[in-house]
């Protein structure tokens, strides 16, 4: 648990009883069972194996936390002006 706490602190994540949060949004859970690290991101049904607590917490840092199902890239891309092509 100390390793998880230290890694979460680096990212500014908060550990609560039911998982790891950032800005009041649950990112998922990280743990170690029988010597093997795992992560389960919010919205996923299975734990993914990891090599370390560093890798597990790091994988939570890329979780899509948008509320409308669009990734941060999509949000940026979709807000850009559309270029019109001349197909004549």
PDB file of N, CA and C in Angstrom:
ATOM      1  N   UNK A   1       0.817  -1.201   0.000  1.00  0.00           N
ATOM      2  CA  UNK A   1       0.000   0.000   0.000  1.00  0.00           C
ATOM      3  C   UNK A   1       0.859   1.262   0.000  1.00  0.00           C
ATOM      4  N   UNK A   2       2.011   1.196   0.639  1.00  0.00           N
ATOM      5  CA  UNK A   2       2.881   2.366   0.684  1.00  0.00           C
ATOM      6  C   UNK A   2       3.346   2.750  -0.712  1.00  0.00           C
ATOM      7  N   UNK A   3       3.619   1.762  -1.550  1.00  0.00           N
ATOM      8  CA  UNK A   3       4.049   2.049  -2.922  1.00  0.00           C
ATOM      9  C   UNK A   3       2.927   2.718  -3.711  1.00  0.00           C
ATOM     10  N   UNK A   4       1.721   2.220  -3.546  1.00  0.00           N
ATOM     11  CA  UNK A   4       0.571   2.811  -4.230  1.00  0.00           C
ATOM     12  C   UNK A   4       0.380   4.249  -3.757  1.00  0.00           C
ATOM     13  N   UNK A   5       0.437   4.456  -2.457  1.00  0.00           N
ATOM     14  CA  UNK A   5       0.266   5.799  -1.900  1.00  0.00           C
ATOM     15  C   UNK A   5       1.303   6.755  -2.466  1.00  0.00           C
ATOM     16  N   UNK A   6       2.570   6.325  -2.494  1.00  0.00           N
ATOM     17  CA  UNK A   6       3.649   7.187  -2.992  1.00  0.00           C
ATOM     18  C   UNK A   6       3.439   7.551  -4.460  1.00  0.00           C
ATOM     19  N   UNK A   7       3.025   6.589  -5.252  1.00  0.00           N
ATOM     20  CA  UNK A   7       2.787   6.869  -6.676  1.00  0.00           C
ATOM     21  C   UNK A   7       1.578   7.783  -6.871  1.00  0.00           C
ATOM     22  N   UNK A   8       0.523   7.544  -6.125  1.00  0.00           N
ATOM     23  CA  UNK A   8      -0.667   8.396  -6.228  1.00  0.00           C
ATOM     24  C   UNK A   8      -0.340   9.835  -5.855  1.00  0.00           C
ATOM     25  N   UNK A   9       0.499   9.996  -4.859  1.00  0.00           N
ATOM     26  CA  UNK A   9       0.887  11.328  -4.415  1.00  0.00           C
ATOM     27  C   UNK A   9       1.604  12.091  -5.533  1.00  0.00           C
ATOM     28  N   UNK A  10       2.410  11.394  -6.330  1.00  0.00           N
ATOM     29  CA  UNK A  10       3.128  12.031  -7.442  1.00  0.00           C
ATOM     30  C   UNK A  10       2.167  12.612  -8.477  1.00  0.00           C
ATOM     31  N   UNK A  11       1.038  11.945  -8.695  1.00  0.00           N
ATOM     32  CA  UNK A  11       0.063  12.379  -9.685  1.00  0.00           C
ATOM     33  C   UNK A  11      -1.033  13.268  -9.104  1.00  0.00           C
ATOM     34  N   UNK A  12      -1.015  13.447  -7.799  1.00  0.00           N
ATOM     35  CA  UNK A  12      -2.054  14.244  -7.160  1.00  0.00           C
ATOM     36  C   UNK A  12      -3.364  13.490  -7.011  1.00  0.00           C
ATOM     37  N   UNK A  13      -3.289  12.151  -7.007  1.00  0.00           N
ATOM     38  CA  UNK A  13      -4.475  11.311  -6.847  1.00  0.00           C
ATOM     39  C   UNK A  13      -4.788  11.138  -5.370  1.00  0.00           C
ATOM     40  N   UNK A  14      -6.047  10.886  -5.081  1.00  0.00           N
ATOM     41  CA  UNK A  14      -6.505  10.667  -3.705  1.00  0.00           C
ATOM     42  C   UNK A  14      -6.963   9.213  -3.575  1.00  0.00           C
ATOM     43  N   UNK A  15      -6.523   8.547  -2.508  1.00  0.00           N
ATOM     44  CA  UNK A  15      -6.939   7.165  -2.260  1.00  0.00           C
ATOM     45  C   UNK A  15      -8.076   7.182  -1.252  1.00  0.00           C
ATOM     46  N   UNK A  16      -9.217   6.648  -1.648  1.00  0.00           N
ATOM     47  CA  UNK A  16     -10.360   6.507  -0.757  1.00  0.00           C
ATOM     48  C   UNK A  16     -10.663   5.016  -0.599  1.00  0.00           C
ATOM     49  N   UNK A  17     -11.618   4.685   0.247  1.00  0.00           N
ATOM     50  CA  UNK A  17     -11.932   3.280   0.528  1.00  0.00           C
ATOM     51  C   UNK A  17     -12.315   2.481  -0.715  1.00  0.00           C
ATOM     52  N   UNK A  18     -12.964   3.129  -1.663  1.00  0.00           N
ATOM     53  CA  UNK A  18     -13.460   2.387  -2.825  1.00  0.00           C
ATOM     54  C   UNK A  18     -12.650   2.612  -4.101  1.00  0.00           C
ATOM     55  N   UNK A  19     -11.487   3.266  -4.011  1.00  0.00           N
ATOM     56  CA  UNK A  19     -10.657   3.429  -5.196  1.00  0.00           C
ATOM     57  C   UNK A  19      -9.788   4.665  -5.171  1.00  0.00           C
ATOM     58  N   UNK A  20      -9.250   4.967  -6.338  1.00  0.00           N
ATOM     59  CA  UNK A  20      -8.355   6.103  -6.513  1.00  0.00           C
ATOM     60  C   UNK A  20      -9.081   7.173  -7.310  1.00  0.00           C
ATOM     61  N   UNK A  21      -8.995   8.403  -6.823  1.00  0.00           N
ATOM     62  CA  UNK A  21      -9.738   9.520  -7.398  1.00  0.00           C
ATOM     63  C   UNK A  21      -8.800  10.655  -7.791  1.00  0.00           C
ATOM     64  N   UNK A  22      -9.276  11.447  -8.749  1.00  0.00           N
ATOM     65  CA  UNK A  22      -8.610  12.697  -9.110  1.00  0.00           C
ATOM     66  C   UNK A  22      -9.701  13.724  -9.364  1.00  0.00           C
ATOM     67  N   UNK A  23      -9.649  14.829  -8.628  1.00  0.00           N
ATOM     68  CA  UNK A  23     -10.678  15.887  -8.728  1.00  0.00           C
ATOM     69  C   UNK A  23     -12.085  15.310  -8.567  1.00  0.00           C
ATOM     70  N   UNK A  24     -12.270  14.481  -7.567  1.00  0.00           N
ATOM     71  CA  UNK A  24     -13.555  13.863  -7.234  1.00  0.00           C
ATOM     72  C   UNK A  24     -14.098  12.910  -8.305  1.00  0.00           C
ATOM     73  N   UNK A  25     -13.263  12.492  -9.246  1.00  0.00           N
ATOM     74  CA  UNK A  25     -13.659  11.529 -10.272  1.00  0.00           C
ATOM     75  C   UNK A  25     -12.893  10.233 -10.018  1.00  0.00           C
ATOM     76  N   UNK A  26     -13.642   9.125  -9.897  1.00  0.00           N
ATOM     77  CA  UNK A  26     -12.991   7.845  -9.643  1.00  0.00           C
ATOM     78  C   UNK A  26     -12.297   7.360 -10.906  1.00  0.00           C
ATOM     79  N   UNK A  27     -10.986   7.072 -10.769  1.00  0.00           N
ATOM     80  CA  UNK A  27     -10.190   6.577 -11.883  1.00  0.00           C
ATOM     81  C   UNK A  27     -10.173   5.056 -11.939  1.00  0.00           C
ATOM     82  N   UNK A  28     -10.187   4.422 -10.779  1.00  0.00           N
ATOM     83  CA  UNK A  28     -10.145   2.963 -10.729  1.00  0.00           C
ATOM     84  C   UNK A  28      -9.554   2.483  -9.424  1.00  0.00           C
ATOM     85  N   UNK A  29      -9.046   1.246  -9.479  1.00  0.00           N
ATOM     86  CA  UNK A  29      -8.463   0.623  -8.295  1.00  0.00           C
ATOM     87  C   UNK A  29      -7.127  -0.008  -8.655  1.00  0.00           C
ATOM     88  N   UNK A  30      -6.233  -0.060  -7.687  1.00  0.00           N
ATOM     89  CA  UNK A  30      -4.919  -0.681  -7.843  1.00  0.00           C
ATOM     90  C   UNK A  30      -4.702  -1.574  -6.641  1.00  0.00           C
ATOM     91  N   UNK A  31      -4.066  -2.729  -6.869  1.00  0.00           N
ATOM     92  CA  UNK A  31      -3.805  -3.613  -5.748  1.00  0.00           C
ATOM     93  C   UNK A  31      -2.708  -4.619  -6.054  1.00  0.00           C
ATOM     94  N   UNK A  32      -2.421  -5.420  -5.056  1.00  0.00           N
ATOM     95  CA  UNK A  32      -1.418  -6.468  -5.180  1.00  0.00           C
ATOM     96  C   UNK A  32      -2.004  -7.722  -4.558  1.00  0.00           C
ATOM     97  N   UNK A  33      -2.118  -8.777  -5.355  1.00  0.00           N
ATOM     98  CA  UNK A  33      -2.663 -10.041  -4.891  1.00  0.00           C
ATOM     99  C   UNK A  33      -1.656 -11.145  -5.178  1.00  0.00           C
ATOM    100  N   UNK A  34      -1.308 -11.897  -4.153  1.00  0.00           N
ATOM    101  CA  UNK A  34      -0.340 -12.992  -4.289  1.00  0.00           C
ATOM    102  C   UNK A  34       0.948 -12.539  -4.975  1.00  0.00           C
ATOM    103  N   UNK A  35       1.394 -11.329  -4.651  1.00  0.00           N
ATOM    104  CA  UNK A  35       2.648 -10.805  -5.185  1.00  0.00           C
ATOM    105  C   UNK A  35       2.548 -10.210  -6.576  1.00  0.00           C
ATOM    106  N   UNK A  36       1.348 -10.180  -7.161  1.00  0.00           N
ATOM    107  CA  UNK A  36       1.183  -9.622  -8.501  1.00  0.00           C
ATOM    108  C   UNK A  36       0.365  -8.348  -8.487  1.00  0.00           C
ATOM    109  N   UNK A  37       0.878  -7.309  -9.101  1.00  0.00           N
ATOM    110  CA  UNK A  37       0.194  -6.017  -9.159  1.00  0.00           C
ATOM    111  C   UNK A  37      -0.890  -6.050 -10.215  1.00  0.00           C
ATOM    112  N   UNK A  38      -1.972  -5.301  -9.970  1.00  0.00           N
ATOM    113  CA  UNK A  38      -3.073  -5.200 -10.925  1.00  0.00           C
ATOM    114  C   UNK A  38      -3.713  -3.825 -10.856  1.00  0.00           C
ATOM    115  N   UNK A  39      -4.413  -3.482 -11.924  1.00  0.00           N
ATOM    116  CA  UNK A  39      -5.171  -2.236 -11.992  1.00  0.00           C
ATOM    117  C   UNK A  39      -6.517  -2.555 -12.633  1.00  0.00           C
ATOM    118  N   UNK A  40      -7.552  -1.898 -12.157  1.00  0.00           N
ATOM    119  CA  UNK A  40      -8.862  -1.991 -12.794  1.00  0.00           C
ATOM    120  C   UNK A  40      -9.381  -0.565 -12.932  1.00  0.00           C
ATOM    121  N   UNK A  41      -9.461  -0.113 -14.166  1.00  0.00           N
ATOM    122  CA  UNK A  41      -9.925   1.237 -14.444  1.00  0.00           C
ATOM    123  C   UNK A  41     -11.436   1.308 -14.310  1.00  0.00           C
ATOM    124  N   UNK A  42     -11.941   2.472 -13.974  1.00  0.00           N
ATOM    125  CA  UNK A  42     -13.378   2.693 -13.883  1.00  0.00           C
ATOM    126  C   UNK A  42     -14.011   2.356 -15.231  1.00  0.00           C
ATOM    127  N   UNK A  43     -15.097   1.606 -15.181  1.00  0.00           N
ATOM    128  CA  UNK A  43     -15.798   1.230 -16.396  1.00  0.00           C
ATOM    129  C   UNK A  43     -15.335  -0.081 -17.002  1.00  0.00           C
ATOM    130  N   UNK A  44     -14.268  -0.657 -16.467  1.00  0.00           N
ATOM    131  CA  UNK A  44     -13.783  -1.938 -16.961  1.00  0.00           C
ATOM    132  C   UNK A  44     -14.187  -3.032 -15.989  1.00  0.00           C
ATOM    133  N   UNK A  45     -14.309  -4.242 -16.492  1.00  0.00           N
ATOM    134  CA  UNK A  45     -14.797  -5.354 -15.683  1.00  0.00           C
ATOM    135  C   UNK A  45     -13.710  -6.300 -15.215  1.00  0.00           C
ATOM    136  N   UNK A  46     -12.503  -6.170 -15.747  1.00  0.00           N
ATOM    137  CA  UNK A  46     -11.436  -7.095 -15.387  1.00  0.00           C
ATOM    138  C   UNK A  46     -10.202  -6.341 -14.920  1.00  0.00           C
ATOM    139  N   UNK A  47      -9.495  -6.988 -14.007  1.00  0.00           N
ATOM    140  CA  UNK A  47      -8.220  -6.449 -13.562  1.00  0.00           C
ATOM    141  C   UNK A  47      -7.170  -6.738 -14.634  1.00  0.00           C
ATOM    142  N   UNK A  48      -6.283  -5.770 -14.862  1.00  0.00           N
ATOM    143  CA  UNK A  48      -5.166  -5.963 -15.788  1.00  0.00           C
ATOM    144  C   UNK A  48      -3.896  -6.112 -14.962  1.00  0.00           C
ATOM    145  N   UNK A  49      -3.091  -7.083 -15.312  1.00  0.00           N
ATOM    146  CA  UNK A  49      -1.827  -7.308 -14.608  1.00  0.00           C
ATOM    147  C   UNK A  49      -0.841  -6.198 -14.924  1.00  0.00           C
ATOM    148  N   UNK A  50      -0.042  -5.861 -13.930  1.00  0.00           N
ATOM    149  CA  UNK A  50       1.001  -4.853 -14.077  1.00  0.00           C
ATOM    150  C   UNK A  50       2.280  -5.379 -13.445  1.00  0.00           C
ATOM    151  N   UNK A  51       3.402  -4.811 -13.842  1.00  0.00           N
ATOM    152  CA  UNK A  51       4.691  -5.239 -13.298  1.00  0.00           C
ATOM    153  C   UNK A  51       5.029  -4.570 -11.974  1.00  0.00           C
ATOM    154  N   UNK A  52       4.356  -3.445 -11.684  1.00  0.00           N
ATOM    155  CA  UNK A  52       4.704  -2.707 -10.464  1.00  0.00           C
ATOM    156  C   UNK A  52       3.577  -1.748 -10.093  1.00  0.00           C
ATOM    157  N   UNK A  53       3.680  -1.188  -8.896  1.00  0.00           N
ATOM    158  CA  UNK A  53       2.729  -0.165  -8.469  1.00  0.00           C
ATOM    159  C   UNK A  53       2.877   1.070  -9.345  1.00  0.00           C
ATOM    160  N   UNK A  54       4.098   1.371  -9.747  1.00  0.00           N
ATOM    161  CA  UNK A  54       4.355   2.525 -10.614  1.00  0.00           C
ATOM    162  C   UNK A  54       3.559   2.379 -11.910  1.00  0.00           C
ATOM    163  N   UNK A  55       3.653   1.217 -12.549  1.00  0.00           N
ATOM    164  CA  UNK A  55       2.936   0.974 -13.806  1.00  0.00           C
ATOM    165  C   UNK A  55       1.423   1.022 -13.602  1.00  0.00           C
ATOM    166  N   UNK A  56       0.942   0.448 -12.514  1.00  0.00           N
ATOM    167  CA  UNK A  56      -0.494   0.409 -12.250  1.00  0.00           C
ATOM    168  C   UNK A  56      -1.063   1.812 -12.078  1.00  0.00           C
ATOM    169  N   UNK A  57      -0.440   2.627 -11.249  1.00  0.00           N
ATOM    170  CA  UNK A  57      -0.933   3.987 -11.010  1.00  0.00           C
ATOM    171  C   UNK A  57      -0.748   4.841 -12.259  1.00  0.00           C
ATOM    172  N   UNK A  58       0.348   4.638 -12.958  1.00  0.00           N
ATOM    173  CA  UNK A  58       0.601   5.376 -14.185  1.00  0.00           C
ATOM    174  C   UNK A  58      -0.507   5.115 -15.209  1.00  0.00           C
ATOM    175  N   UNK A  59      -0.990   3.880 -15.270  1.00  0.00           N
ATOM    176  CA  UNK A  59      -2.052   3.561 -16.230  1.00  0.00           C
ATOM    177  C   UNK A  59      -3.350   4.287 -15.885  1.00  0.00           C
ATOM    178  N   UNK A  60      -3.551   4.617 -14.620  1.00  0.00           N
ATOM    179  CA  UNK A  60      -4.734   5.388 -14.233  1.00  0.00           C
ATOM    180  C   UNK A  60      -4.632   6.838 -14.683  1.00  0.00           C
ATOM    181  N   UNK A  61      -3.425   7.310 -14.895  1.00  0.00           N
ATOM    182  CA  UNK A  61      -3.247   8.711 -15.289  1.00  0.00           C
ATOM    183  C   UNK A  61      -3.728   8.969 -16.709  1.00  0.00           C
ATOM    184  N   UNK A  62      -4.004   7.913 -17.480  1.00  0.00           N
ATOM    185  CA  UNK A  62      -4.470   8.096 -18.855  1.00  0.00           C
ATOM    186  C   UNK A  62      -5.933   7.722 -19.022  1.00  0.00           C
ATOM    187  N   UNK A  63      -6.641   7.556 -17.912  1.00  0.00           N
ATOM    188  CA  UNK A  63      -8.056   7.213 -17.962  1.00  0.00           C
ATOM    189  C   UNK A  63      -8.854   8.381 -18.530  1.00  0.00           C
ATOM    190  N   UNK A  64      -9.794   8.087 -19.414  1.00  0.00           N
ATOM    191  CA  UNK A  64     -10.685   9.100 -19.982  1.00  0.00           C
ATOM    192  C   UNK A  64     -11.740   9.433 -18.931  1.00  0.00           C
ATOM    193  N   UNK A  65     -11.671  10.644 -18.387  1.00  0.00           N
ATOM    194  CA  UNK A  65     -12.608  11.030 -17.334  1.00  0.00           C
ATOM    195  C   UNK A  65     -13.688  11.974 -17.841  1.00  0.00           C
ATOM    196  N   UNK A  66     -13.808  12.117 -19.159  1.00  0.00           N
ATOM    197  CA  UNK A  66     -14.866  12.985 -19.670  1.00  0.00           C
ATOM    198  C   UNK A  66     -16.217  12.350 -19.376  1.00  0.00           C
ATOM    199  N   UNK A  67     -17.209  13.170 -19.198  1.00  0.00           N
ATOM    200  CA  UNK A  67     -18.523  12.656 -18.824  1.00  0.00           C
ATOM    201  C   UNK A  67     -19.399  12.339 -20.017  1.00  0.00           C
ATOM    202  N   UNK A  68     -18.991  12.745 -21.204  1.00  0.00           N
ATOM    203  CA  UNK A  68     -19.830  12.503 -22.370  1.00  0.00           C
ATOM    204  C   UNK A  68     -19.296  11.397 -23.273  1.00  0.00           C
ATOM    205  N   UNK A  69     -18.304  10.675 -22.835  1.00  0.00           N
ATOM    206  CA  UNK A  69     -17.792   9.542 -23.595  1.00  0.00           C
ATOM    207  C   UNK A  69     -16.747   9.903 -24.634  1.00  0.00           C
ATOM    208  N   UNK A  70     -16.451  11.198 -24.807  1.00  0.00           N
ATOM    209  CA  UNK A  70     -15.425  11.592 -25.764  1.00  0.00           C
ATOM    210  C   UNK A  70     -14.091  11.697 -25.036  1.00  0.00           C
ATOM    211  N   UNK A  71     -13.032  11.313 -25.723  1.00  0.00           N
ATOM    212  CA  UNK A  71     -11.706  11.452 -25.142  1.00  0.00           C
ATOM    213  C   UNK A  71     -11.286  12.921 -25.184  1.00  0.00           C
ATOM    214  N   UNK A  72     -10.220  13.243 -24.490  1.00  0.00           N
ATOM    215  CA  UNK A  72      -9.710  14.612 -24.493  1.00  0.00           C
ATOM    216  C   UNK A  72      -9.299  14.999 -25.905  1.00  0.00           C
ATOM    217  N   UNK A  73      -8.702  14.064 -26.664  1.00  0.00           N
ATOM    218  CA  UNK A  73      -8.322  14.319 -28.050  1.00  0.00           C
ATOM    219  C   UNK A  73      -9.553  14.656 -28.887  1.00  0.00           C
ATOM    220  N   UNK A  74     -10.612  13.847 -28.765  1.00  0.00           N
ATOM    221  CA  UNK A  74     -11.838  14.094 -29.523  1.00  0.00           C
ATOM    222  C   UNK A  74     -12.415  15.461 -29.178  1.00  0.00           C
ATOM    223  N   UNK A  75     -12.414  15.801 -27.898  1.00  0.00           N
ATOM    224  CA  UNK A  75     -12.944  17.096 -27.480  1.00  0.00           C
ATOM    225  C   UNK A  75     -12.187  18.212 -28.191  1.00  0.00           C
ATOM    226  N   UNK A  76     -10.850  18.115 -28.219  1.00  0.00           N
ATOM    227  CA  UNK A  76     -10.038  19.143 -28.868  1.00  0.00           C
ATOM    228  C   UNK A  76     -10.276  19.126 -30.373  1.00  0.00           C
ATOM    229  N   UNK A  77     -10.200  17.959 -30.980  1.00  0.00           N
ATOM    230  CA  UNK A  77     -10.327  17.809 -32.425  1.00  0.00           C
ATOM    231  C   UNK A  77     -11.685  18.292 -32.923  1.00  0.00           C
ATOM    232  N   UNK A  78     -12.733  17.930 -32.218  1.00  0.00           N
ATOM    233  CA  UNK A  78     -14.074  18.283 -32.660  1.00  0.00           C
ATOM    234  C   UNK A  78     -14.384  19.771 -32.498  1.00  0.00           C
ATOM    235  N   UNK A  79     -13.622  20.459 -31.667  1.00  0.00           N
ATOM    236  CA  UNK A  79     -13.858  21.884 -31.466  1.00  0.00           C
ATOM    237  C   UNK A  79     -13.085  22.748 -32.454  1.00  0.00           C
ATOM    238  N   UNK A  80     -12.210  22.147 -33.252  1.00  0.00           N
ATOM    239  CA  UNK A  80     -11.428  22.906 -34.217  1.00  0.00           C
ATOM    240  C   UNK A  80     -12.288  23.273 -35.418  1.00  0.00           C
ATOM    241  N   UNK A  81     -12.005  24.413 -36.055  1.00  0.00           N
ATOM    242  CA  UNK A  81     -12.779  24.800 -37.233  1.00  0.00           C
ATOM    243  C   UNK A  81     -12.589  23.775 -38.352  1.00  0.00           C
ATOM    244  N   UNK A  82     -13.667  23.518 -39.055  1.00  0.00           N
ATOM    245  CA  UNK A  82     -13.598  22.557 -40.148  1.00  0.00           C
ATOM    246  C   UNK A  82     -13.030  23.244 -41.381  1.00  0.00           C
ATOM    247  N   UNK A  83     -12.133  22.558 -42.048  1.00  0.00           N
ATOM    248  CA  UNK A  83     -11.579  23.079 -43.289  1.00  0.00           C
ATOM    249  C   UNK A  83     -12.458  22.591 -44.443  1.00  0.00           C
ATOM    250  N   UNK A  84     -12.731  23.463 -45.352  1.00  0.00           N
ATOM    251  CA  UNK A  84     -13.534  23.056 -46.495  1.00  0.00           C
ATOM    252  C   UNK A  84     -12.613  22.750 -47.661  1.00  0.00           C
ATOM    253  N   UNK A  85     -12.873  21.663 -48.317  1.00  0.00           N
ATOM    254  CA  UNK A  85     -12.059  21.264 -49.459  1.00  0.00           C
ATOM    255  C   UNK A  85     -12.799  21.573 -50.744  1.00  0.00           C
ATOM    256  N   UNK A  86     -12.069  22.009 -51.738  1.00  0.00           N
ATOM    257  CA  UNK A  86     -12.646  22.276 -53.044  1.00  0.00           C
ATOM    258  C   UNK A  86     -12.427  21.044 -53.899  1.00  0.00           C
ATOM    259  N   UNK A  87     -13.471  20.280 -54.161  1.00  0.00           N
ATOM    260  CA  UNK A  87     -13.353  19.001 -54.854  1.00  0.00           C
ATOM    261  C   UNK A  87     -13.697  19.101 -56.341  1.00  0.00           C
ATOM    262  N   UNK A  88     -13.600  20.251 -56.936  1.00  0.00           N
ATOM    263  CA  UNK A  88     -13.933  20.415 -58.363  1.00  0.00           C
ATOM    264  C   UNK A  88     -12.844  19.926 -59.243  1.00  0.00           C
TER     265      UNK A  88
END
